[in-house]
N, C-alpha and C. Protein backbone atom coordinates (compact mmCIF):
# COMPACT_ATOMS: atom_id res chain seq x y z
N MET A 1 116.46 91.71 78.49
CA MET A 1 115.70 92.78 79.69
C MET A 1 114.70 93.32 78.55
N LEU A 2 113.16 93.27 79.22
CA LEU A 2 112.42 93.66 78.50
C LEU A 2 111.43 94.95 78.39
N VAL A 3 111.62 95.12 77.43
CA VAL A 3 111.85 96.87 77.42
C VAL A 3 109.66 97.09 76.41
N ILE A 4 108.68 97.33 77.13
CA ILE A 4 107.98 97.53 77.00
C ILE A 4 107.48 99.71 76.83
N GLY A 5 106.30 99.62 75.75
CA GLY A 5 105.93 101.34 75.60
C GLY A 5 104.56 101.27 76.35
N ARG A 6 104.76 101.97 77.10
CA ARG A 6 103.22 102.77 78.02
C ARG A 6 102.91 104.19 77.66
N ASP A 7 101.96 104.21 77.23
CA ASP A 7 101.01 105.78 77.83
C ASP A 7 100.93 106.37 79.35
N VAL A 8 101.25 107.17 79.18
CA VAL A 8 101.04 108.28 80.55
C VAL A 8 99.83 107.61 81.77
N GLY A 9 99.48 107.07 82.29
CA GLY A 9 98.53 106.16 83.35
C GLY A 9 98.60 104.71 82.84
N GLU A 10 98.94 104.68 82.30
CA GLU A 10 99.70 103.08 81.41
C GLU A 10 99.61 102.33 82.72
N VAL A 11 100.52 100.70 82.79
CA VAL A 11 100.93 100.10 84.73
C VAL A 11 101.22 98.92 84.23
N VAL A 12 102.18 99.04 84.79
CA VAL A 12 103.48 97.28 84.28
C VAL A 12 103.63 96.34 86.16
N THR A 13 102.92 95.15 86.42
CA THR A 13 102.35 94.86 87.01
C THR A 13 103.29 93.58 86.72
N ILE A 14 104.63 93.58 88.53
CA ILE A 14 105.66 92.98 88.68
C ILE A 14 105.16 92.10 89.50
N GLY A 15 105.30 90.96 89.57
CA GLY A 15 104.55 89.66 90.20
C GLY A 15 103.27 89.94 90.35
N GLU A 16 102.67 89.73 91.33
CA GLU A 16 101.34 89.82 91.86
C GLU A 16 101.04 90.98 93.20
N ASN A 17 102.30 91.73 93.26
CA ASN A 17 101.92 92.79 93.81
C ASN A 17 102.81 94.51 93.91
N ILE A 18 103.43 94.60 92.78
CA ILE A 18 104.47 95.43 92.45
C ILE A 18 103.76 96.18 91.56
N ARG A 19 103.59 96.84 90.64
CA ARG A 19 102.61 98.25 89.93
C ARG A 19 104.05 99.06 89.67
N ILE A 20 103.53 100.03 88.48
CA ILE A 20 105.28 100.46 88.02
C ILE A 20 103.72 101.81 86.94
N LYS A 21 103.58 102.37 86.79
CA LYS A 21 102.79 102.93 86.38
C LYS A 21 103.47 104.20 85.92
N VAL A 22 103.63 105.03 84.72
CA VAL A 22 103.26 106.17 83.74
C VAL A 22 102.51 107.18 84.47
N MET A 23 104.00 108.11 85.31
CA MET A 23 102.83 109.63 85.43
C MET A 23 102.95 110.46 85.03
N ALA A 24 103.90 111.15 83.80
CA ALA A 24 103.74 112.04 83.38
C ALA A 24 105.28 111.30 82.07
N VAL A 25 105.14 112.28 80.86
CA VAL A 25 106.57 112.30 80.61
C VAL A 25 106.61 113.39 79.63
N GLU A 26 107.48 113.64 79.49
CA GLU A 26 108.63 115.23 79.70
C GLU A 26 109.11 115.52 78.84
N GLY A 27 109.81 116.37 77.41
CA GLY A 27 110.89 116.18 77.28
C GLY A 27 111.77 115.44 77.70
N GLY A 28 111.61 114.47 77.49
CA GLY A 28 113.26 113.13 77.15
C GLY A 28 112.39 112.40 78.65
N VAL A 29 111.51 113.19 79.85
CA VAL A 29 111.81 112.69 81.36
C VAL A 29 110.65 111.66 81.44
N VAL A 30 110.90 110.32 81.73
CA VAL A 30 109.56 109.69 82.14
C VAL A 30 109.98 109.21 83.82
N ARG A 31 108.06 109.82 83.98
CA ARG A 31 108.07 110.34 85.74
C ARG A 31 107.19 108.96 86.22
N PHE A 32 107.90 107.76 87.04
CA PHE A 32 106.64 106.59 86.93
C PHE A 32 106.88 106.34 88.19
N GLY A 33 105.24 106.00 88.81
CA GLY A 33 105.07 105.64 90.55
C GLY A 33 105.31 104.21 90.36
N ILE A 34 105.31 103.93 92.27
CA ILE A 34 106.04 102.29 92.51
C ILE A 34 105.26 101.84 93.56
N SER A 35 104.51 101.17 93.73
CA SER A 35 103.34 100.63 94.04
C SER A 35 104.36 99.81 94.45
N ALA A 36 104.68 99.18 96.46
CA ALA A 36 104.54 98.07 96.11
C ALA A 36 104.83 97.83 97.61
N PRO A 37 104.24 95.98 98.09
CA PRO A 37 104.55 96.17 99.85
C PRO A 37 105.54 96.67 100.71
N ARG A 38 105.51 97.45 101.57
CA ARG A 38 106.66 97.57 102.57
C ARG A 38 107.31 96.88 102.70
N GLU A 39 106.79 95.54 102.91
CA GLU A 39 108.83 94.53 102.89
C GLU A 39 109.34 95.01 101.75
N VAL A 40 109.28 95.47 100.14
CA VAL A 40 109.81 95.65 99.42
C VAL A 40 110.47 97.36 99.02
N VAL A 41 112.17 96.67 98.87
CA VAL A 41 112.69 97.99 99.01
C VAL A 41 113.41 98.10 97.03
N VAL A 42 112.55 99.96 97.67
CA VAL A 42 113.04 100.31 96.25
C VAL A 42 113.51 101.37 96.33
N HIS A 43 115.04 101.17 95.35
CA HIS A 43 115.73 102.42 95.11
C HIS A 43 116.29 102.43 93.89
N ARG A 44 115.94 103.67 94.11
CA ARG A 44 116.91 104.33 92.56
C ARG A 44 118.23 103.68 93.00
N SER A 45 119.09 103.21 91.03
CA SER A 45 120.31 102.24 91.46
C SER A 45 121.46 102.95 91.75
N GLU A 46 122.16 104.32 91.69
CA GLU A 46 122.40 105.77 92.44
C GLU A 46 122.77 105.33 93.59
N ILE A 47 121.85 105.10 94.44
CA ILE A 47 121.07 105.15 96.11
C ILE A 47 121.59 103.69 96.62
N TYR A 48 120.75 103.14 95.66
CA TYR A 48 121.12 101.39 96.27
C TYR A 48 122.79 101.39 96.03
N LYS A 49 123.56 101.22 95.33
CA LYS A 49 125.79 101.05 95.01
C LYS A 49 125.94 101.93 96.16
N ARG A 50 125.70 103.38 96.38
CA ARG A 50 125.45 103.83 97.44
C ARG A 50 125.02 102.89 99.29
N ILE A 51 124.46 102.69 98.83
CA ILE A 51 123.77 101.54 99.89
C ILE A 51 125.43 101.08 100.77
N LYS A 52 125.50 99.68 99.05
CA LYS A 52 126.55 98.39 98.78
C LYS A 52 127.26 99.14 99.23
N GLU A 53 128.15 100.23 98.80
CA GLU A 53 129.19 101.12 98.92
C GLU A 53 129.70 100.92 100.53
N GLN A 54 128.67 101.24 101.39
CA GLN A 54 128.76 101.86 102.84
C GLN A 54 128.46 99.99 103.32
N GLU A 55 127.86 99.41 102.93
CA GLU A 55 128.10 98.83 103.73
C GLU A 55 129.30 98.02 103.60
N LEU A 56 129.71 97.37 102.34
CA LEU A 56 131.28 97.16 102.26
C LEU A 56 131.72 97.87 103.30
N GLU A 57 132.17 98.72 103.10
CA GLU A 57 132.96 99.68 104.27
C GLU A 57 132.77 99.72 105.82
N ARG A 58 131.70 99.32 105.53
CA ARG A 58 131.17 98.99 107.46
C ARG A 58 131.57 97.47 107.65
N SER A 59 131.52 96.79 107.03
CA SER A 59 131.94 94.89 106.66
C SER A 59 133.64 94.84 107.07
N SER A 60 134.16 96.00 106.38
CA SER A 60 135.44 95.22 105.83
C SER A 60 136.43 96.59 106.76
N SER A 61 135.41 97.53 108.05
CA SER A 61 136.12 98.42 109.00
C SER A 61 135.96 97.29 110.27
N SER A 62 135.07 95.96 110.41
CA SER A 62 135.11 95.42 112.35
C SER A 62 135.86 94.56 111.49
């Protein structure tokens, strides 16, 4: 895992076309924006996990 310190307004670039910008840091909470092409799916980890569980349920019920 790569750990990077960034200040508000600074950006981390992943590959050619994914950018993560630190928008705010308040009380231990970091808010960031993600800019990526439409074909790149972006989810919070808990949402991604829920989607995968639902896909597994659908595939095992068919």
